[in-house]
Every structure is written in C-alpha cells, then in structure tokens.
Amino acid sequence: MSKTVEIEILVAPGCGAREQTEALVADILASLDMTAQVRTRVIEDARQAAAARFPGSPTVRVNGQDVEPAARSRKEYGMG
C-alpha cells in the first residue's frame, strides 16, 4: 500500500520566491514521475508563523517534515 505524499509550501505574503518554489516542486515531482498533494499556504502574521512553526519564506515540507535539515531543530519562527 503506497502512502500519499503531501507537500506543503509555506510563504509570507508577497514572497518573491513563491512561483519559483512551486515550479521547482512541480519539476521535481515530474522528474521522479510522482504525484503528490501540493498545497501552498500563505502565512499572514506572526501568530500564524508561530502556530505553523514557520522559519521563513519559502518553507517546503514533505509529509510534515521540513526539507531543510537545519530548519527541523529551529525554535524561532517568524515572517522572515
């Protein structure tokens, strides 16, 4: 039984890297011949940033795990 892959892209409003990140995720999925549920979520303020454990824009998570290993242990979250 295969597990559904869920990819979440978190961005701050007006993130200049949003489109590039969405395209990169799509390109990687295509190159691996994979499908996934991809969702982009805009983090609007510091409260949402803390609740989402948002280390900065853009953030990409696969099945809830940040793709950047260093970000996984961060304790500071915000709109940066």
PDB file of N, CA and C in Angstrom:
ATOM      1  N   MET A   1       0.847  -1.187   0.000  1.00  0.00           N
ATOM      2  CA  MET A   1       0.000   0.000   0.000  1.00  0.00           C
ATOM      3  C   MET A   1       0.888   1.244   0.000  1.00  0.00           C
ATOM      4  N   SER A   2       0.715   2.110  -0.974  1.00  0.00           N
ATOM      5  CA  SER A   2       1.556   3.293  -1.050  1.00  0.00           C
ATOM      6  C   SER A   2       0.943   4.434  -0.245  1.00  0.00           C
ATOM      7  N   LYS A   3       1.804   5.215   0.344  1.00  0.00           N
ATOM      8  CA  LYS A   3       1.385   6.343   1.155  1.00  0.00           C
ATOM      9  C   LYS A   3       1.275   7.577   0.268  1.00  0.00           C
ATOM     10  N   THR A   4       0.255   8.373   0.496  1.00  0.00           N
ATOM     11  CA  THR A   4       0.103   9.622  -0.235  1.00  0.00           C
ATOM     12  C   THR A   4       1.163  10.608   0.230  1.00  0.00           C
ATOM     13  N   VAL A   5       1.847  11.222  -0.720  1.00  0.00           N
ATOM     14  CA  VAL A   5       2.838  12.235  -0.397  1.00  0.00           C
ATOM     15  C   VAL A   5       2.132  13.584  -0.355  1.00  0.00           C
ATOM     16  N   GLU A   6       2.329  14.286   0.755  1.00  0.00           N
ATOM     17  CA  GLU A   6       1.753  15.616   0.914  1.00  0.00           C
ATOM     18  C   GLU A   6       2.878  16.628   1.007  1.00  0.00           C
ATOM     19  N   ILE A   7       2.836  17.614   0.130  1.00  0.00           N
ATOM     20  CA  ILE A   7       3.846  18.660   0.108  1.00  0.00           C
ATOM     21  C   ILE A   7       3.153  19.977   0.416  1.00  0.00           C
ATOM     22  N   GLU A   8       3.706  20.676   1.389  1.00  0.00           N
ATOM     23  CA  GLU A   8       3.161  21.970   1.774  1.00  0.00           C
ATOM     24  C   GLU A   8       4.239  23.030   1.553  1.00  0.00           C
ATOM     25  N   ILE A   9       3.880  24.065   0.837  1.00  0.00           N
ATOM     26  CA  ILE A   9       4.761  25.201   0.608  1.00  0.00           C
ATOM     27  C   ILE A   9       4.192  26.356   1.421  1.00  0.00           C
ATOM     28  N   LEU A  10       4.962  26.824   2.391  1.00  0.00           N
ATOM     29  CA  LEU A  10       4.527  27.939   3.224  1.00  0.00           C
ATOM     30  C   LEU A  10       5.272  29.182   2.783  1.00  0.00           C
ATOM     31  N   VAL A  11       4.539  30.268   2.608  1.00  0.00           N
ATOM     32  CA  VAL A  11       5.134  31.520   2.142  1.00  0.00           C
ATOM     33  C   VAL A  11       4.564  32.708   2.893  1.00  0.00           C
ATOM     34  N   ALA A  12       5.355  33.759   2.991  1.00  0.00           N
ATOM     35  CA  ALA A  12       4.880  35.040   3.512  1.00  0.00           C
ATOM     36  C   ALA A  12       4.184  35.773   2.373  1.00  0.00           C
ATOM     37  N   PRO A  13       3.289  36.705   2.682  1.00  0.00           N
ATOM     38  CA  PRO A  13       2.640  37.488   1.627  1.00  0.00           C
ATOM     39  C   PRO A  13       3.685  38.180   0.752  1.00  0.00           C
ATOM     40  N   GLY A  14       3.504  38.088  -0.553  1.00  0.00           N
ATOM     41  CA  GLY A  14       4.416  38.743  -1.468  1.00  0.00           C
ATOM     42  C   GLY A  14       5.775  38.086  -1.621  1.00  0.00           C
ATOM     43  N   CYS A  15       5.926  36.857  -1.157  1.00  0.00           N
ATOM     44  CA  CYS A  15       7.210  36.158  -1.250  1.00  0.00           C
ATOM     45  C   CYS A  15       7.674  36.112  -2.706  1.00  0.00           C
ATOM     46  N   GLY A  16       8.836  36.682  -2.974  1.00  0.00           N
ATOM     47  CA  GLY A  16       9.374  36.720  -4.318  1.00  0.00           C
ATOM     48  C   GLY A  16       9.791  35.368  -4.861  1.00  0.00           C
ATOM     49  N   ALA A  17       9.959  34.388  -3.987  1.00  0.00           N
ATOM     50  CA  ALA A  17      10.385  33.046  -4.414  1.00  0.00           C
ATOM     51  C   ALA A  17       9.221  32.062  -4.507  1.00  0.00           C
ATOM     52  N   ARG A  18       8.000  32.527  -4.304  1.00  0.00           N
ATOM     53  CA  ARG A  18       6.852  31.609  -4.298  1.00  0.00           C
ATOM     54  C   ARG A  18       6.714  30.850  -5.615  1.00  0.00           C
ATOM     55  N   GLU A  19       6.628  31.581  -6.736  1.00  0.00           N
ATOM     56  CA  GLU A  19       6.411  30.923  -8.024  1.00  0.00           C
ATOM     57  C   GLU A  19       7.569  30.002  -8.379  1.00  0.00           C
ATOM     58  N   GLN A  20       8.785  30.437  -8.107  1.00  0.00           N
ATOM     59  CA  GLN A  20       9.965  29.615  -8.391  1.00  0.00           C
ATOM     60  C   GLN A  20       9.932  28.330  -7.553  1.00  0.00           C
ATOM     61  N   THR A  21       9.543  28.434  -6.301  1.00  0.00           N
ATOM     62  CA  THR A  21       9.480  27.261  -5.428  1.00  0.00           C
ATOM     63  C   THR A  21       8.385  26.304  -5.881  1.00  0.00           C
ATOM     64  N   GLU A  22       7.216  26.835  -6.225  1.00  0.00           N
ATOM     65  CA  GLU A  22       6.135  25.987  -6.725  1.00  0.00           C
ATOM     66  C   GLU A  22       6.556  25.264  -8.005  1.00  0.00           C
ATOM     67  N   ALA A  23       7.248  25.975  -8.894  1.00  0.00           N
ATOM     68  CA  ALA A  23       7.716  25.361 -10.142  1.00  0.00           C
ATOM     69  C   ALA A  23       8.772  24.299  -9.871  1.00  0.00           C
ATOM     70  N   LEU A  24       9.671  24.560  -8.941  1.00  0.00           N
ATOM     71  CA  LEU A  24      10.710  23.591  -8.590  1.00  0.00           C
ATOM     72  C   LEU A  24      10.096  22.303  -8.044  1.00  0.00           C
ATOM     73  N   VAL A  25       9.120  22.446  -7.157  1.00  0.00           N
ATOM     74  CA  VAL A  25       8.437  21.274  -6.611  1.00  0.00           C
ATOM     75  C   VAL A  25       7.764  20.484  -7.738  1.00  0.00           C
ATOM     76  N   ALA A  26       7.076  21.180  -8.629  1.00  0.00           N
ATOM     77  CA  ALA A  26       6.417  20.508  -9.760  1.00  0.00           C
ATOM     78  C   ALA A  26       7.438  19.806 -10.653  1.00  0.00           C
ATOM     79  N   ASP A  27       8.570  20.456 -10.915  1.00  0.00           N
ATOM     80  CA  ASP A  27       9.618  19.859 -11.751  1.00  0.00           C
ATOM     81  C   ASP A  27      10.207  18.608 -11.105  1.00  0.00           C
ATOM     82  N   ILE A  28      10.437  18.665  -9.801  1.00  0.00           N
ATOM     83  CA  ILE A  28      10.991  17.503  -9.097  1.00  0.00           C
ATOM     84  C   ILE A  28      10.005  16.345  -9.152  1.00  0.00           C
ATOM     85  N   LEU A  29       8.745  16.621  -8.903  1.00  0.00           N
ATOM     86  CA  LEU A  29       7.740  15.558  -8.968  1.00  0.00           C
ATOM     87  C   LEU A  29       7.681  14.947 -10.364  1.00  0.00           C
ATOM     88  N   ALA A  30       7.719  15.784 -11.394  1.00  0.00           N
ATOM     89  CA  ALA A  30       7.673  15.283 -12.768  1.00  0.00           C
ATOM     90  C   ALA A  30       8.904  14.439 -13.086  1.00  0.00           C
ATOM     91  N   SER A  31      10.079  14.886 -12.636  1.00  0.00           N
ATOM     92  CA  SER A  31      11.306  14.145 -12.934  1.00  0.00           C
ATOM     93  C   SER A  31      11.334  12.792 -12.231  1.00  0.00           C
ATOM     94  N   LEU A  32      10.636  12.692 -11.114  1.00  0.00           N
ATOM     95  CA  LEU A  32      10.554  11.425 -10.374  1.00  0.00           C
ATOM     96  C   LEU A  32       9.330  10.610 -10.783  1.00  0.00           C
ATOM     97  N   ASP A  33       8.543  11.157 -11.712  1.00  0.00           N
ATOM     98  CA  ASP A  33       7.300  10.524 -12.148  1.00  0.00           C
ATOM     99  C   ASP A  33       6.396  10.211 -10.952  1.00  0.00           C
ATOM    100  N   MET A  34       6.268  11.215 -10.079  1.00  0.00           N
ATOM    101  CA  MET A  34       5.476  11.081  -8.856  1.00  0.00           C
ATOM    102  C   MET A  34       4.301  12.045  -8.878  1.00  0.00           C
ATOM    103  N   THR A  35       3.275  11.672  -8.149  1.00  0.00           N
ATOM    104  CA  THR A  35       2.185  12.596  -7.882  1.00  0.00           C
ATOM    105  C   THR A  35       2.161  12.859  -6.383  1.00  0.00           C
ATOM    106  N   ALA A  36       1.671  14.010  -6.032  1.00  0.00           N
ATOM    107  CA  ALA A  36       1.581  14.381  -4.621  1.00  0.00           C
ATOM    108  C   ALA A  36       0.480  15.411  -4.473  1.00  0.00           C
ATOM    109  N   GLN A  37      -0.009  15.514  -3.268  1.00  0.00           N
ATOM    110  CA  GLN A  37      -0.935  16.595  -2.936  1.00  0.00           C
ATOM    111  C   GLN A  37      -0.070  17.787  -2.564  1.00  0.00           C
ATOM    112  N   VAL A  38      -0.083  18.824  -3.387  1.00  0.00           N
ATOM    113  CA  VAL A  38       0.731  20.015  -3.151  1.00  0.00           C
ATOM    114  C   VAL A  38      -0.195  21.162  -2.784  1.00  0.00           C
ATOM    115  N   ARG A  39       0.143  21.819  -1.683  1.00  0.00           N
ATOM    116  CA  ARG A  39      -0.675  22.934  -1.214  1.00  0.00           C
ATOM    117  C   ARG A  39       0.243  24.077  -0.828  1.00  0.00           C
ATOM    118  N   THR A  40      -0.107  25.273  -1.253  1.00  0.00           N
ATOM    119  CA  THR A  40       0.617  26.470  -0.839  1.00  0.00           C
ATOM    120  C   THR A  40      -0.230  27.196   0.196  1.00  0.00           C
ATOM    121  N   ARG A  41       0.412  27.557   1.300  1.00  0.00           N
ATOM    122  CA  ARG A  41      -0.300  28.271   2.369  1.00  0.00           C
ATOM    123  C   ARG A  41       0.430  29.575   2.658  1.00  0.00           C
ATOM    124  N   VAL A  42      -0.315  30.674   2.631  1.00  0.00           N
ATOM    125  CA  VAL A  42       0.244  31.987   2.938  1.00  0.00           C
ATOM    126  C   VAL A  42       0.142  32.209   4.445  1.00  0.00           C
ATOM    127  N   ILE A  43       1.277  32.492   5.053  1.00  0.00           N
ATOM    128  CA  ILE A  43       1.334  32.794   6.490  1.00  0.00           C
ATOM    129  C   ILE A  43       1.242  34.309   6.618  1.00  0.00           C
ATOM    130  N   GLU A  44       0.154  34.774   7.188  1.00  0.00           N
ATOM    131  CA  GLU A  44      -0.178  36.209   7.170  1.00  0.00           C
ATOM    132  C   GLU A  44       0.461  37.044   8.273  1.00  0.00           C
ATOM    133  N   ASP A  45       0.749  36.439   9.445  1.00  0.00           N
ATOM    134  CA  ASP A  45       1.233  37.250  10.555  1.00  0.00           C
ATOM    135  C   ASP A  45       2.056  36.395  11.521  1.00  0.00           C
ATOM    136  N   ALA A  46       2.614  37.052  12.536  1.00  0.00           N
ATOM    137  CA  ALA A  46       3.489  36.374  13.497  1.00  0.00           C
ATOM    138  C   ALA A  46       2.754  35.272  14.265  1.00  0.00           C
ATOM    139  N   ARG A  47       1.486  35.466  14.539  1.00  0.00           N
ATOM    140  CA  ARG A  47       0.713  34.444  15.254  1.00  0.00           C
ATOM    141  C   ARG A  47       0.621  33.176  14.413  1.00  0.00           C
ATOM    142  N   GLN A  48       0.286  33.338  13.142  1.00  0.00           N
ATOM    143  CA  GLN A  48       0.227  32.177  12.251  1.00  0.00           C
ATOM    144  C   GLN A  48       1.604  31.552  12.071  1.00  0.00           C
ATOM    145  N   ALA A  49       2.648  32.376  12.026  1.00  0.00           N
ATOM    146  CA  ALA A  49       4.009  31.869  11.883  1.00  0.00           C
ATOM    147  C   ALA A  49       4.380  30.965  13.054  1.00  0.00           C
ATOM    148  N   ALA A  50       4.057  31.402  14.260  1.00  0.00           N
ATOM    149  CA  ALA A  50       4.368  30.591  15.440  1.00  0.00           C
ATOM    150  C   ALA A  50       3.557  29.297  15.434  1.00  0.00           C
ATOM    151  N   ALA A  51       2.279  29.391  15.106  1.00  0.00           N
ATOM    152  CA  ALA A  51       1.419  28.204  15.103  1.00  0.00           C
ATOM    153  C   ALA A  51       1.871  27.181  14.056  1.00  0.00           C
ATOM    154  N   ALA A  52       2.380  27.664  12.919  1.00  0.00           N
ATOM    155  CA  ALA A  52       2.813  26.776  11.834  1.00  0.00           C
ATOM    156  C   ALA A  52       4.288  26.393  11.952  1.00  0.00           C
ATOM    157  N   ARG A  53       4.974  26.913  12.987  1.00  0.00           N
ATOM    158  CA  ARG A  53       6.413  26.674  13.127  1.00  0.00           C
ATOM    159  C   ARG A  53       7.134  27.092  11.838  1.00  0.00           C
ATOM    160  N   PHE A  54       6.838  28.305  11.407  1.00  0.00           N
ATOM    161  CA  PHE A  54       7.291  28.852  10.141  1.00  0.00           C
ATOM    162  C   PHE A  54       8.634  29.558  10.310  1.00  0.00           C
ATOM    163  N   PRO A  55       9.718  28.948   9.799  1.00  0.00           N
ATOM    164  CA  PRO A  55      11.035  29.557   9.993  1.00  0.00           C
ATOM    165  C   PRO A  55      11.365  30.653   8.997  1.00  0.00           C
ATOM    166  N   GLY A  56      10.599  30.779   7.929  1.00  0.00           N
ATOM    167  CA  GLY A  56      10.853  31.807   6.930  1.00  0.00           C
ATOM    168  C   GLY A  56      10.308  31.394   5.583  1.00  0.00           C
ATOM    169  N   SER A  57      10.315  32.344   4.678  1.00  0.00           N
ATOM    170  CA  SER A  57       9.663  32.153   3.387  1.00  0.00           C
ATOM    171  C   SER A  57      10.686  32.007   2.276  1.00  0.00           C
ATOM    172  N   PRO A  58      10.556  30.997   1.462  1.00  0.00           N
ATOM    173  CA  PRO A  58       9.555  29.934   1.497  1.00  0.00           C
ATOM    174  C   PRO A  58      10.031  28.761   2.355  1.00  0.00           C
ATOM    175  N   THR A  59       9.097  27.976   2.828  1.00  0.00           N
ATOM    176  CA  THR A  59       9.372  26.746   3.553  1.00  0.00           C
ATOM    177  C   THR A  59       8.660  25.619   2.816  1.00  0.00           C
ATOM    178  N   VAL A  60       9.349  24.514   2.610  1.00  0.00           N
ATOM    179  CA  VAL A  60       8.750  23.360   1.944  1.00  0.00           C
ATOM    180  C   VAL A  60       8.794  22.181   2.916  1.00  0.00           C
ATOM    181  N   ARG A  61       7.654  21.547   3.079  1.00  0.00           N
ATOM    182  CA  ARG A  61       7.564  20.365   3.951  1.00  0.00           C
ATOM    183  C   ARG A  61       6.973  19.199   3.168  1.00  0.00           C
ATOM    184  N   VAL A  62       7.562  18.040   3.356  1.00  0.00           N
ATOM    185  CA  VAL A  62       7.061  16.805   2.753  1.00  0.00           C
ATOM    186  C   VAL A  62       6.572  15.928   3.893  1.00  0.00           C
ATOM    187  N   ASN A  63       5.288  15.606   3.842  1.00  0.00           N
ATOM    188  CA  ASN A  63       4.651  14.826   4.911  1.00  0.00           C
ATOM    189  C   ASN A  63       4.966  15.421   6.286  1.00  0.00           C
ATOM    190  N   GLY A  64       4.926  16.751   6.364  1.00  0.00           N
ATOM    191  CA  GLY A  64       5.108  17.458   7.625  1.00  0.00           C
ATOM    192  C   GLY A  64       6.545  17.714   8.024  1.00  0.00           C
ATOM    193  N   GLN A  65       7.514  17.194   7.273  1.00  0.00           N
ATOM    194  CA  GLN A  65       8.931  17.336   7.611  1.00  0.00           C
ATOM    195  C   GLN A  65       9.563  18.387   6.707  1.00  0.00           C
ATOM    196  N   ASP A  66      10.241  19.372   7.315  1.00  0.00           N
ATOM    197  CA  ASP A  66      10.912  20.403   6.537  1.00  0.00           C
ATOM    198  C   ASP A  66      11.988  19.758   5.671  1.00  0.00           C
ATOM    199  N   VAL A  67      12.096  20.190   4.414  1.00  0.00           N
ATOM    200  CA  VAL A  67      13.101  19.612   3.523  1.00  0.00           C
ATOM    201  C   VAL A  67      14.511  20.090   3.860  1.00  0.00           C
ATOM    202  N   GLU A  68      14.621  21.161   4.610  1.00  0.00           N
ATOM    203  CA  GLU A  68      15.931  21.655   5.019  1.00  0.00           C
ATOM    204  C   GLU A  68      16.254  21.129   6.417  1.00  0.00           C
ATOM    205  N   PRO A  69      17.239  20.246   6.529  1.00  0.00           N
ATOM    206  CA  PRO A  69      17.534  19.630   7.829  1.00  0.00           C
ATOM    207  C   PRO A  69      17.781  20.634   8.948  1.00  0.00           C
ATOM    208  N   ALA A  70      18.475  21.724   8.681  1.00  0.00           N
ATOM    209  CA  ALA A  70      18.773  22.703   9.729  1.00  0.00           C
ATOM    210  C   ALA A  70      17.515  23.356  10.285  1.00  0.00           C
ATOM    211  N   ALA A  71      16.479  23.451   9.481  1.00  0.00           N
ATOM    212  CA  ALA A  71      15.237  24.096   9.924  1.00  0.00           C
ATOM    213  C   ALA A  71      14.441  23.213  10.876  1.00  0.00           C
ATOM    214  N   ARG A  72      14.703  21.926  10.865  1.00  0.00           N
ATOM    215  CA  ARG A  72      13.923  20.996  11.692  1.00  0.00           C
ATOM    216  C   ARG A  72      14.120  21.213  13.192  1.00  0.00           C
ATOM    217  N   SER A  73      15.270  21.729  13.586  1.00  0.00           N
ATOM    218  CA  SER A  73      15.543  21.909  15.011  1.00  0.00           C
ATOM    219  C   SER A  73      15.394  23.352  15.466  1.00  0.00           C
ATOM    220  N   ARG A  74      14.986  24.238  14.573  1.00  0.00           N
ATOM    221  CA  ARG A  74      14.822  25.646  14.943  1.00  0.00           C
ATOM    222  C   ARG A  74      13.713  25.832  15.948  1.00  0.00           C
ATOM    223  N   LYS A  75      13.888  26.815  16.798  1.00  0.00           N
ATOM    224  CA  LYS A  75      12.882  27.147  17.805  1.00  0.00           C
ATOM    225  C   LYS A  75      12.337  28.560  17.621  1.00  0.00           C
ATOM    226  N   GLU A  76      12.936  29.318  16.680  1.00  0.00           N
ATOM    227  CA  GLU A  76      12.480  30.679  16.411  1.00  0.00           C
ATOM    228  C   GLU A  76      11.679  30.660  15.115  1.00  0.00           C
ATOM    229  N   TYR A  77      10.509  31.279  15.175  1.00  0.00           N
ATOM    230  CA  TYR A  77       9.636  31.314  14.000  1.00  0.00           C
ATOM    231  C   TYR A  77       9.210  32.750  13.761  1.00  0.00           C
ATOM    232  N   GLY A  78       8.967  33.080  12.494  1.00  0.00           N
ATOM    233  CA  GLY A  78       8.554  34.431  12.187  1.00  0.00           C
ATOM    234  C   GLY A  78       8.360  34.642  10.716  1.00  0.00           C
ATOM    235  N   MET A  79       8.231  35.882  10.331  1.00  0.00           N
ATOM    236  CA  MET A  79       7.872  36.237   8.971  1.00  0.00           C
ATOM    237  C   MET A  79       9.077  36.474   8.072  1.00  0.00           C
ATOM    238  N   GLY A  80      10.283  36.142   8.511  1.00  0.00           N
ATOM    239  CA  GLY A  80      11.486  36.399   7.727  1.00  0.00           C
ATOM    240  C   GLY A  80      11.611  35.583   6.484  1.00  0.00           C
TER     241      GLY A  80
END
